[in-house]
Amino acid sequence: MVIVLGIIFFVINAYCSAPEKGILEKITLKGSLSRSMSDIPSTGNPSGEPVVKKASSPAVMLSTKERGAQMFNLGIDCARRGDEEDAIRWFLEAAHCDESRAMNFVGMDYMHKGDMDKAKFWFSKGAALDNVVAKWNLASLYQQDDNLDAAVGLYKDILEHYPAAKNNLAVILYERGDQEGALHLWKEAKAEGALSAIFNLAWIADKQGDVEAAKAGYKQSADKGDPDGMFYLAMLYEREKDMLHAKYWYRKAAENGSEEALSKIKELSPEHMLRRKCKRKLSFMHSHKK
């Protein structure tokens, strides 16, 4: 519940104080992708939810759109009070009244419950109403599902809204062999502040053997709080045998949630190194006695 409310508060702030932002912020070259989700059929009602309600009569006091906006605002108020259950209930009611922002919230709720089919269903409905956030979230799920053509189309629709969309589209282009197109998009995304693009350009430089460019890029990514940038910067220092800086950045990455960095810290600890030396010595002595 705490996690879902945290996500809701994040997107509420995006709606209320800044241009809309997505919730699946980072898909980079090194990430593993899920292939377990199926595509949404073009017909039918795969969500299992009631069919979207329409205004029954022109005589009603509020239009469907007005009722949807009203219920969406009630959901926002509940979320701000920490009442997740009522917030989701109002968002669902608003979604049934063609409120695209509420559809995005309902999709988020299903996504964090692990029901990706219903998440896609509601993101798709929001995207059909031209909701930018819903398009971003649906594209991100399609990319994880390896439905890349669908993802590409959605990313292209929202490039002007999200630098991160340029990053994710660049990942697809790079993996399809269009390195020039990918680099162009990454450079644009980096200039617009997309953290993943900063990292990915550093990763490409590292792969090409440009150590100085890689180090500068990882450092920029790390300074902006990216644990992956911290971890890869530490690995670069370790390759250079600069263990003082390597351990420093491994610790920083671990403090920011990197499990890989935590493992490296244990691996480089004096106790672990001593055990490794003892194992090598014992192994040598055993084979020598034979």
C-alpha atoms as a PDB file:
ATOM      1  CA  MET A   1       0.000   0.000   0.000  1.00  0.00           C
ATOM      2  CA  VAL A   2       2.808   2.423   0.854  1.00  0.00           C
ATOM      3  CA  ILE A   3       4.461   1.817  -2.535  1.00  0.00           C
ATOM      4  CA  VAL A   4       1.252   2.409  -4.480  1.00  0.00           C
ATOM      5  CA  LEU A   5       0.466   5.580  -2.538  1.00  0.00           C
ATOM      6  CA  GLY A   6       3.993   6.798  -3.171  1.00  0.00           C
ATOM      7  CA  ILE A   7       3.509   6.302  -6.904  1.00  0.00           C
ATOM      8  CA  ILE A   8       0.135   8.055  -6.737  1.00  0.00           C
ATOM      9  CA  PHE A   9       1.625  11.053  -4.935  1.00  0.00           C
ATOM     10  CA  PHE A  10       4.409  11.215  -7.547  1.00  0.00           C
ATOM     11  CA  VAL A  11       1.954  11.373 -10.423  1.00  0.00           C
ATOM     12  CA  ILE A  12      -0.360  13.756  -8.570  1.00  0.00           C
ATOM     13  CA  ASN A  13       2.543  16.167  -8.302  1.00  0.00           C
ATOM     14  CA  ALA A  14       3.206  15.688 -11.996  1.00  0.00           C
ATOM     15  CA  TYR A  15      -0.375  16.570 -12.863  1.00  0.00           C
ATOM     16  CA  CYS A  16      -0.635  19.485 -10.472  1.00  0.00           C
ATOM     17  CA  SER A  17       2.744  21.202 -10.667  1.00  0.00           C
ATOM     18  CA  ALA A  18       4.656  20.164 -13.787  1.00  0.00           C
ATOM     19  CA  PRO A  19       4.316  18.617 -17.256  1.00  0.00           C
ATOM     20  CA  GLU A  20       3.016  15.075 -17.060  1.00  0.00           C
ATOM     21  CA  LYS A  21       5.591  12.376 -16.253  1.00  0.00           C
ATOM     22  CA  GLY A  22       5.498   8.606 -16.622  1.00  0.00           C
ATOM     23  CA  ILE A  23       6.116   5.996 -13.982  1.00  0.00           C
ATOM     24  CA  LEU A  24       8.351   3.600 -15.874  1.00  0.00           C
ATOM     25  CA  GLU A  25      11.231   5.992 -16.049  1.00  0.00           C
ATOM     26  CA  LYS A  26      14.172   3.875 -17.043  1.00  0.00           C
ATOM     27  CA  ILE A  27      14.745   1.143 -19.570  1.00  0.00           C
ATOM     28  CA  THR A  28      18.435   1.006 -20.455  1.00  0.00           C
ATOM     29  CA  LEU A  29      20.590  -1.199 -22.648  1.00  0.00           C
ATOM     30  CA  LYS A  30      21.637  -3.408 -19.762  1.00  0.00           C
ATOM     31  CA  GLY A  31      18.114  -4.025 -18.422  1.00  0.00           C
ATOM     32  CA  SER A  32      16.428  -7.423 -18.626  1.00  0.00           C
ATOM     33  CA  LEU A  33      12.964  -7.359 -20.200  1.00  0.00           C
ATOM     34  CA  SER A  34       9.907  -9.356 -19.194  1.00  0.00           C
ATOM     35  CA  ARG A  35       8.272 -11.389 -21.937  1.00  0.00           C
ATOM     36  CA  SER A  36       5.340 -12.684 -19.903  1.00  0.00           C
ATOM     37  CA  MET A  37       2.610 -10.185 -20.822  1.00  0.00           C
ATOM     38  CA  SER A  38       0.200 -10.712 -23.715  1.00  0.00           C
ATOM     39  CA  ASP A  39      -1.085  -8.045 -26.084  1.00  0.00           C
ATOM     40  CA  ILE A  40      -4.471  -6.448 -25.615  1.00  0.00           C
ATOM     41  CA  PRO A  41      -7.040  -7.705 -28.164  1.00  0.00           C
ATOM     42  CA  SER A  42      -8.412  -5.005 -30.441  1.00  0.00           C
ATOM     43  CA  THR A  43     -12.002  -5.962 -29.589  1.00  0.00           C
ATOM     44  CA  GLY A  44     -13.885  -7.167 -26.548  1.00  0.00           C
ATOM     45  CA  ASN A  45     -13.428  -6.257 -22.914  1.00  0.00           C
ATOM     46  CA  PRO A  46     -10.378  -8.202 -21.603  1.00  0.00           C
ATOM     47  CA  SER A  47     -10.188  -6.199 -18.389  1.00  0.00           C
ATOM     48  CA  GLY A  48     -13.222  -7.862 -16.871  1.00  0.00           C
ATOM     49  CA  GLU A  49     -14.436  -4.390 -15.825  1.00  0.00           C
ATOM     50  CA  PRO A  50     -17.980  -3.163 -16.589  1.00  0.00           C
ATOM     51  CA  VAL A  51     -18.390  -1.516 -19.971  1.00  0.00           C
ATOM     52  CA  VAL A  52     -17.617   2.211 -19.924  1.00  0.00           C
ATOM     53  CA  LYS A  53     -20.710   4.110 -18.840  1.00  0.00           C
ATOM     54  CA  LYS A  54     -22.251   6.762 -21.034  1.00  0.00           C
ATOM     55  CA  ALA A  55     -24.611   9.572 -20.135  1.00  0.00           C
ATOM     56  CA  SER A  56     -28.080   8.059 -20.260  1.00  0.00           C
ATOM     57  CA  SER A  57     -29.876  11.259 -21.162  1.00  0.00           C
ATOM     58  CA  PRO A  58     -29.075  14.842 -22.234  1.00  0.00           C
ATOM     59  CA  ALA A  59     -31.259  15.932 -19.341  1.00  0.00           C
ATOM     60  CA  VAL A  60     -28.739  14.983 -16.662  1.00  0.00           C
ATOM     61  CA  MET A  61     -27.313  17.953 -14.787  1.00  0.00           C
ATOM     62  CA  LEU A  62     -23.676  17.015 -15.384  1.00  0.00           C
ATOM     63  CA  SER A  63     -22.212  15.682 -18.583  1.00  0.00           C
ATOM     64  CA  THR A  64     -20.235  12.457 -18.576  1.00  0.00           C
ATOM     65  CA  LYS A  65     -17.042  14.491 -18.921  1.00  0.00           C
ATOM     66  CA  GLU A  66     -17.972  16.747 -15.993  1.00  0.00           C
ATOM     67  CA  ARG A  67     -18.854  13.798 -13.771  1.00  0.00           C
ATOM     68  CA  GLY A  68     -15.565  12.136 -14.688  1.00  0.00           C
ATOM     69  CA  ALA A  69     -13.570  15.247 -13.768  1.00  0.00           C
ATOM     70  CA  GLN A  70     -15.476  15.584 -10.514  1.00  0.00           C
ATOM     71  CA  MET A  71     -14.813  11.984  -9.481  1.00  0.00           C
ATOM     72  CA  PHE A  72     -11.179  12.255 -10.540  1.00  0.00           C
ATOM     73  CA  ASN A  73     -10.765  15.226  -8.196  1.00  0.00           C
ATOM     74  CA  LEU A  74     -12.380  13.232  -5.386  1.00  0.00           C
ATOM     75  CA  GLY A  75      -9.834  10.485  -6.035  1.00  0.00           C
ATOM     76  CA  ILE A  76      -6.996  13.001  -5.863  1.00  0.00           C
ATOM     77  CA  ASP A  77      -8.305  14.303  -2.522  1.00  0.00           C
ATOM     78  CA  CYS A  78      -8.499  10.757  -1.118  1.00  0.00           C
ATOM     79  CA  ALA A  79      -4.975   9.967  -2.287  1.00  0.00           C
ATOM     80  CA  ARG A  80      -3.633  13.105  -0.634  1.00  0.00           C
ATOM     81  CA  ARG A  81      -5.281  12.025   2.626  1.00  0.00           C
ATOM     82  CA  GLY A  82      -3.676   8.585   2.319  1.00  0.00           C
ATOM     83  CA  ASP A  83      -6.981   6.798   1.661  1.00  0.00           C
ATOM     84  CA  GLU A  84      -5.848   4.488  -1.123  1.00  0.00           C
ATOM     85  CA  GLU A  85      -8.967   2.318  -1.278  1.00  0.00           C
ATOM     86  CA  ASP A  86     -11.364   5.235  -1.798  1.00  0.00           C
ATOM     87  CA  ALA A  87      -8.917   6.949  -4.162  1.00  0.00           C
ATOM     88  CA  ILE A  88      -8.831   3.928  -6.462  1.00  0.00           C
ATOM     89  CA  ARG A  89     -12.628   3.575  -6.223  1.00  0.00           C
ATOM     90  CA  TRP A  90     -13.124   7.172  -7.387  1.00  0.00           C
ATOM     91  CA  PHE A  91     -10.492   6.826 -10.102  1.00  0.00           C
ATOM     92  CA  LEU A  92     -12.264   3.732 -11.421  1.00  0.00           C
ATOM     93  CA  GLU A  93     -15.624   5.544 -11.422  1.00  0.00           C
ATOM     94  CA  ALA A  94     -14.020   8.477 -13.237  1.00  0.00           C
ATOM     95  CA  ALA A  95     -12.392   6.126 -15.744  1.00  0.00           C
ATOM     96  CA  HIS A  96     -15.822   4.723 -16.575  1.00  0.00           C
ATOM     97  CA  CYS A  97     -16.833   8.292 -17.428  1.00  0.00           C
ATOM     98  CA  ASP A  98     -14.073   8.641 -20.035  1.00  0.00           C
ATOM     99  CA  GLU A  99     -11.688  10.549 -17.733  1.00  0.00           C
ATOM    100  CA  SER A 100      -8.321   9.706 -19.312  1.00  0.00           C
ATOM    101  CA  ARG A 101      -6.228  10.815 -16.330  1.00  0.00           C
ATOM    102  CA  ALA A 102      -8.173   8.422 -14.112  1.00  0.00           C
ATOM    103  CA  MET A 103      -7.639   5.624 -16.634  1.00  0.00           C
ATOM    104  CA  ASN A 104      -3.916   6.109 -16.220  1.00  0.00           C
ATOM    105  CA  PHE A 105      -4.192   5.897 -12.424  1.00  0.00           C
ATOM    106  CA  VAL A 106      -6.307   2.745 -12.633  1.00  0.00           C
ATOM    107  CA  GLY A 107      -3.753   1.228 -14.989  1.00  0.00           C
ATOM    108  CA  MET A 108      -0.994   2.074 -12.535  1.00  0.00           C
ATOM    109  CA  ASP A 109      -2.912   0.409  -9.712  1.00  0.00           C
ATOM    110  CA  TYR A 110      -3.359  -2.804 -11.711  1.00  0.00           C
ATOM    111  CA  MET A 111       0.280  -2.714 -12.776  1.00  0.00           C
ATOM    112  CA  HIS A 112       1.493  -2.579  -9.192  1.00  0.00           C
ATOM    113  CA  LYS A 113      -0.874  -5.405  -8.317  1.00  0.00           C
ATOM    114  CA  GLY A 114       0.808  -7.451 -11.050  1.00  0.00           C
ATOM    115  CA  ASP A 115      -2.244  -7.625 -13.334  1.00  0.00           C
ATOM    116  CA  MET A 116      -0.569  -6.455 -16.546  1.00  0.00           C
ATOM    117  CA  ASP A 117      -3.474  -7.320 -18.852  1.00  0.00           C
ATOM    118  CA  LYS A 118      -5.811  -4.955 -17.002  1.00  0.00           C
ATOM    119  CA  ALA A 119      -3.041  -2.366 -16.711  1.00  0.00           C
ATOM    120  CA  LYS A 120      -2.592  -2.450 -20.485  1.00  0.00           C
ATOM    121  CA  PHE A 121      -6.354  -2.306 -21.001  1.00  0.00           C
ATOM    122  CA  TRP A 122      -6.685   0.949 -19.055  1.00  0.00           C
ATOM    123  CA  PHE A 123      -3.479   2.483 -20.415  1.00  0.00           C
ATOM    124  CA  SER A 124      -4.796   1.672 -23.904  1.00  0.00           C
ATOM    125  CA  LYS A 125      -8.089   3.421 -23.197  1.00  0.00           C
ATOM    126  CA  GLY A 126      -6.247   6.472 -21.862  1.00  0.00           C
ATOM    127  CA  ALA A 127      -3.884   6.462 -24.833  1.00  0.00           C
ATOM    128  CA  ALA A 128      -6.864   6.328 -27.226  1.00  0.00           C
ATOM    129  CA  LEU A 129      -8.043   9.570 -25.604  1.00  0.00           C
ATOM    130  CA  ASP A 130      -4.580  11.062 -26.266  1.00  0.00           C
ATOM    131  CA  ASN A 131      -3.426  11.006 -22.627  1.00  0.00           C
ATOM    132  CA  VAL A 132       0.341  11.454 -22.822  1.00  0.00           C
ATOM    133  CA  VAL A 133       1.118   9.682 -19.541  1.00  0.00           C
ATOM    134  CA  ALA A 134      -0.992   6.672 -20.502  1.00  0.00           C
ATOM    135  CA  LYS A 135       0.828   6.498 -23.854  1.00  0.00           C
ATOM    136  CA  TRP A 136       4.175   6.558 -22.041  1.00  0.00           C
ATOM    137  CA  ASN A 137       3.184   3.822 -19.613  1.00  0.00           C
ATOM    138  CA  LEU A 138       1.667   1.647 -22.350  1.00  0.00           C
ATOM    139  CA  ALA A 139       4.766   2.061 -24.534  1.00  0.00           C
ATOM    140  CA  SER A 140       7.002   1.093 -21.625  1.00  0.00           C
ATOM    141  CA  LEU A 141       4.984  -2.070 -20.988  1.00  0.00           C
ATOM    142  CA  TYR A 142       5.018  -2.942 -24.683  1.00  0.00           C
ATOM    143  CA  GLN A 143       8.801  -2.517 -24.721  1.00  0.00           C
ATOM    144  CA  GLN A 144       9.188  -4.844 -21.755  1.00  0.00           C
ATOM    145  CA  ASP A 145       6.846  -7.277 -23.524  1.00  0.00           C
ATOM    146  CA  ASP A 146       9.048  -7.127 -26.649  1.00  0.00           C
ATOM    147  CA  ASN A 147       6.133  -5.737 -28.659  1.00  0.00           C
ATOM    148  CA  LEU A 148       8.546  -3.227 -30.133  1.00  0.00           C
ATOM    149  CA  ASP A 149       6.568  -1.995 -33.136  1.00  0.00           C
ATOM    150  CA  ALA A 150       3.702  -0.935 -30.875  1.00  0.00           C
ATOM    151  CA  ALA A 151       6.146   0.708 -28.478  1.00  0.00           C
ATOM    152  CA  VAL A 152       7.885   2.617 -31.289  1.00  0.00           C
ATOM    153  CA  GLY A 153       4.600   4.087 -32.511  1.00  0.00           C
ATOM    154  CA  LEU A 154       3.649   5.322 -29.063  1.00  0.00           C
ATOM    155  CA  TYR A 155       7.108   6.732 -28.291  1.00  0.00           C
ATOM    156  CA  LYS A 156       7.082   8.686 -31.547  1.00  0.00           C
ATOM    157  CA  ASP A 157       3.757  10.243 -30.519  1.00  0.00           C
ATOM    158  CA  ILE A 158       5.201  11.635 -27.279  1.00  0.00           C
ATOM    159  CA  LEU A 159       8.800  12.542 -28.141  1.00  0.00           C
ATOM    160  CA  GLU A 160       8.115  16.239 -27.619  1.00  0.00           C
ATOM    161  CA  HIS A 161       6.742  15.579 -24.132  1.00  0.00           C
ATOM    162  CA  TYR A 162       9.338  13.145 -22.764  1.00  0.00           C
ATOM    163  CA  PRO A 163      13.119  13.180 -23.247  1.00  0.00           C
ATOM    164  CA  ALA A 164      12.992   9.683 -21.713  1.00  0.00           C
ATOM    165  CA  ALA A 165      10.850   8.566 -24.678  1.00  0.00           C
ATOM    166  CA  LYS A 166      13.770   9.468 -26.949  1.00  0.00           C
ATOM    167  CA  ASN A 167      16.035   7.341 -24.749  1.00  0.00           C
ATOM    168  CA  ASN A 168      13.749   4.321 -24.885  1.00  0.00           C
ATOM    169  CA  LEU A 169      13.210   4.665 -28.630  1.00  0.00           C
ATOM    170  CA  ALA A 170      17.003   4.902 -29.043  1.00  0.00           C
ATOM    171  CA  VAL A 171      17.400   1.619 -27.144  1.00  0.00           C
ATOM    172  CA  ILE A 172      15.097  -0.082 -29.663  1.00  0.00           C
ATOM    173  CA  LEU A 173      16.904   1.466 -32.630  1.00  0.00           C
ATOM    174  CA  TYR A 174      20.298   0.429 -31.251  1.00  0.00           C
ATOM    175  CA  GLU A 175      19.188  -3.150 -30.673  1.00  0.00           C
ATOM    176  CA  ARG A 176      17.816  -3.213 -34.238  1.00  0.00           C
ATOM    177  CA  GLY A 177      21.194  -2.139 -35.606  1.00  0.00           C
ATOM    178  CA  ASP A 178      20.480   1.556 -36.244  1.00  0.00           C
ATOM    179  CA  GLN A 179      23.385   2.888 -34.190  1.00  0.00           C
ATOM    180  CA  GLU A 180      23.451   6.268 -35.928  1.00  0.00           C
ATOM    181  CA  GLY A 181      19.764   6.896 -35.258  1.00  0.00           C
ATOM    182  CA  ALA A 182      20.135   5.729 -31.665  1.00  0.00           C
ATOM    183  CA  LEU A 183      23.114   7.988 -30.971  1.00  0.00           C
ATOM    184  CA  HIS A 184      21.275  10.980 -32.447  1.00  0.00           C
ATOM    185  CA  LEU A 185      18.283  10.414 -30.164  1.00  0.00           C
ATOM    186  CA  TRP A 186      20.468   9.763 -27.105  1.00  0.00           C
ATOM    187  CA  LYS A 187      22.339  13.020 -27.654  1.00  0.00           C
ATOM    188  CA  GLU A 188      19.056  14.923 -27.933  1.00  0.00           C
ATOM    189  CA  ALA A 189      17.672  13.199 -24.838  1.00  0.00           C
ATOM    190  CA  LYS A 190      20.872  13.913 -22.906  1.00  0.00           C
ATOM    191  CA  ALA A 191      20.708  17.594 -23.838  1.00  0.00           C
ATOM    192  CA  GLU A 192      17.133  17.625 -22.521  1.00  0.00           C
ATOM    193  CA  GLY A 193      18.186  16.034 -19.212  1.00  0.00           C
ATOM    194  CA  ALA A 194      17.200  12.368 -19.604  1.00  0.00           C
ATOM    195  CA  LEU A 195      19.269  10.517 -17.009  1.00  0.00           C
ATOM    196  CA  SER A 196      19.152   7.185 -18.826  1.00  0.00           C
ATOM    197  CA  ALA A 197      20.504   8.793 -21.998  1.00  0.00           C
ATOM    198  CA  ILE A 198      23.496  10.171 -20.077  1.00  0.00           C
ATOM    199  CA  PHE A 199      24.262   6.668 -18.823  1.00  0.00           C
ATOM    200  CA  ASN A 200      23.687   4.967 -22.178  1.00  0.00           C
ATOM    201  CA  LEU A 201      26.042   7.305 -24.039  1.00  0.00           C
ATOM    202  CA  ALA A 202      28.700   6.596 -21.403  1.00  0.00           C
ATOM    203  CA  TRP A 203      28.050   2.866 -21.774  1.00  0.00           C
ATOM    204  CA  ILE A 204      28.505   3.108 -25.550  1.00  0.00           C
ATOM    205  CA  ALA A 205      31.755   5.059 -25.105  1.00  0.00           C
ATOM    206  CA  ASP A 206      32.975   2.423 -22.633  1.00  0.00           C
ATOM    207  CA  LYS A 207      32.114  -0.350 -25.084  1.00  0.00           C
ATOM    208  CA  GLN A 208      34.051   1.459 -27.826  1.00  0.00           C
ATOM    209  CA  GLY A 209      37.123   1.843 -25.600  1.00  0.00           C
ATOM    210  CA  ASP A 210      36.836   5.598 -25.054  1.00  0.00           C
ATOM    211  CA  VAL A 211      37.652   5.446 -21.342  1.00  0.00           C
ATOM    212  CA  GLU A 212      37.766   9.181 -20.732  1.00  0.00           C
ATOM    213  CA  ALA A 213      34.358   9.800 -22.329  1.00  0.00           C
ATOM    214  CA  ALA A 214      32.915   6.825 -20.456  1.00  0.00           C
ATOM    215  CA  LYS A 215      34.331   8.040 -17.157  1.00  0.00           C
ATOM    216  CA  ALA A 216      32.960  11.556 -17.713  1.00  0.00           C
ATOM    217  CA  GLY A 217      29.531  10.194 -18.633  1.00  0.00           C
ATOM    218  CA  TYR A 218      29.338   7.766 -15.720  1.00  0.00           C
ATOM    219  CA  LYS A 219      30.469  10.546 -13.380  1.00  0.00           C
ATOM    220  CA  GLN A 220      27.765  12.891 -14.685  1.00  0.00           C
ATOM    221  CA  SER A 221      25.173  10.149 -14.289  1.00  0.00           C
ATOM    222  CA  ALA A 222      26.445   9.319 -10.788  1.00  0.00           C
ATOM    223  CA  ASP A 223      26.433  12.970  -9.722  1.00  0.00           C
ATOM    224  CA  LYS A 224      22.761  13.146 -10.706  1.00  0.00           C
ATOM    225  CA  GLY A 225      21.978  10.269  -8.336  1.00  0.00           C
ATOM    226  CA  ASP A 226      21.891   7.333 -10.761  1.00  0.00           C
ATOM    227  CA  PRO A 227      23.069   4.176  -8.923  1.00  0.00           C
ATOM    228  CA  ASP A 228      23.897   2.513 -12.260  1.00  0.00           C
ATOM    229  CA  GLY A 229      26.213   5.394 -13.110  1.00  0.00           C
ATOM    230  CA  MET A 230      27.843   5.014  -9.703  1.00  0.00           C
ATOM    231  CA  PHE A 231      28.272   1.261 -10.128  1.00  0.00           C
ATOM    232  CA  TYR A 232      29.747   1.428 -13.633  1.00  0.00           C
ATOM    233  CA  LEU A 233      32.041   4.276 -12.617  1.00  0.00           C
ATOM    234  CA  ALA A 234      33.273   2.084  -9.759  1.00  0.00           C
ATOM    235  CA  MET A 235      33.872  -0.814 -12.158  1.00  0.00           C
ATOM    236  CA  LEU A 236      35.845   1.465 -14.454  1.00  0.00           C
ATOM    237  CA  TYR A 237      38.035   2.589 -11.546  1.00  0.00           C
ATOM    238  CA  GLU A 238      38.477  -1.034 -10.518  1.00  0.00           C
ATOM    239  CA  ARG A 239      39.674  -1.894 -14.031  1.00  0.00           C
ATOM    240  CA  GLU A 240      42.208   0.910 -13.667  1.00  0.00           C
ATOM    241  CA  LYS A 241      43.327  -0.564 -10.295  1.00  0.00           C
ATOM    242  CA  ASP A 242      42.223   2.646  -8.550  1.00  0.00           C
ATOM    243  CA  MET A 243      40.650   0.807  -5.629  1.00  0.00           C
ATOM    244  CA  LEU A 244      40.227   3.905  -3.454  1.00  0.00           C
ATOM    245  CA  HIS A 245      37.811   5.500  -5.934  1.00  0.00           C
ATOM    246  CA  ALA A 246      36.293   2.137  -6.892  1.00  0.00           C
ATOM    247  CA  LYS A 247      35.308   1.338  -3.302  1.00  0.00           C
ATOM    248  CA  TYR A 248      33.990   4.858  -2.787  1.00  0.00           C
ATOM    249  CA  TRP A 249      31.613   4.612  -5.747  1.00  0.00           C
ATOM    250  CA  TYR A 250      30.596   1.032  -4.929  1.00  0.00           C
ATOM    251  CA  ARG A 251      29.571   2.294  -1.468  1.00  0.00           C
ATOM    252  CA  LYS A 252      27.644   5.198  -2.997  1.00  0.00           C
ATOM    253  CA  ALA A 253      25.861   2.838  -5.395  1.00  0.00           C
ATOM    254  CA  ALA A 254      24.995   0.461  -2.549  1.00  0.00           C
ATOM    255  CA  GLU A 255      23.639   3.341  -0.477  1.00  0.00           C
ATOM    256  CA  ASN A 256      21.361   4.160  -3.419  1.00  0.00           C
ATOM    257  CA  GLY A 257      19.961   0.660  -3.684  1.00  0.00           C
ATOM    258  CA  SER A 258      22.331  -1.244  -5.992  1.00  0.00           C
ATOM    259  CA  GLU A 259      22.423  -4.914  -4.983  1.00  0.00           C
ATOM    260  CA  GLU A 260      25.322  -5.500  -7.389  1.00  0.00           C
ATOM    261  CA  ALA A 261      27.355  -2.835  -5.612  1.00  0.00           C
ATOM    262  CA  LEU A 262      26.599  -4.393  -2.238  1.00  0.00           C
ATOM    263  CA  SER A 263      27.928  -7.727  -3.508  1.00  0.00           C
ATOM    264  CA  LYS A 264      31.073  -6.037  -4.807  1.00  0.00           C
ATOM    265  CA  ILE A 265      31.698  -4.357  -1.456  1.00  0.00           C
ATOM    266  CA  LYS A 266      31.528  -7.749   0.254  1.00  0.00           C
ATOM    267  CA  GLU A 267      33.766  -9.259  -2.401  1.00  0.00           C
ATOM    268  CA  LEU A 268      36.386  -6.521  -1.896  1.00  0.00           C
ATOM    269  CA  SER A 269      36.269  -6.595   1.907  1.00  0.00           C
ATOM    270  CA  PRO A 270      39.545  -7.586   3.681  1.00  0.00           C
ATOM    271  CA  GLU A 271      37.848 -10.606   5.260  1.00  0.00           C
ATOM    272  CA  HIS A 272      36.641 -11.888   1.896  1.00  0.00           C
ATOM    273  CA  MET A 273      40.016 -11.296   0.252  1.00  0.00           C
ATOM    274  CA  LEU A 274      41.747 -13.175   3.085  1.00  0.00           C
ATOM    275  CA  ARG A 275      39.389 -16.129   2.684  1.00  0.00           C
ATOM    276  CA  ARG A 276      40.113 -16.204  -1.045  1.00  0.00           C
ATOM    277  CA  LYS A 277      43.853 -16.234  -0.402  1.00  0.00           C
ATOM    278  CA  CYS A 278      43.493 -19.033   2.137  1.00  0.00           C
ATOM    279  CA  LYS A 279      41.435 -21.109  -0.289  1.00  0.00           C
ATOM    280  CA  ARG A 280      44.051 -20.707  -2.982  1.00  0.00           C
ATOM    281  CA  LYS A 281      46.825 -21.672  -0.567  1.00  0.00           C
ATOM    282  CA  LEU A 282      44.988 -24.728   0.728  1.00  0.00           C
ATOM    283  CA  SER A 283      44.173 -25.824  -2.770  1.00  0.00           C
ATOM    284  CA  PHE A 284      47.834 -25.587  -3.785  1.00  0.00           C
ATOM    285  CA  MET A 285      49.022 -27.514  -0.738  1.00  0.00           C
ATOM    286  CA  HIS A 286      46.448 -30.256  -1.285  1.00  0.00           C
ATOM    287  CA  SER A 287      47.411 -30.734  -4.944  1.00  0.00           C
ATOM    288  CA  HIS A 288      51.119 -30.593  -4.065  1.00  0.00           C
ATOM    289  CA  LYS A 289      50.719 -33.455  -1.552  1.00  0.00           C
ATOM    290  CA  LYS A 290      49.274 -35.620  -4.268  1.00  0.00           C
END
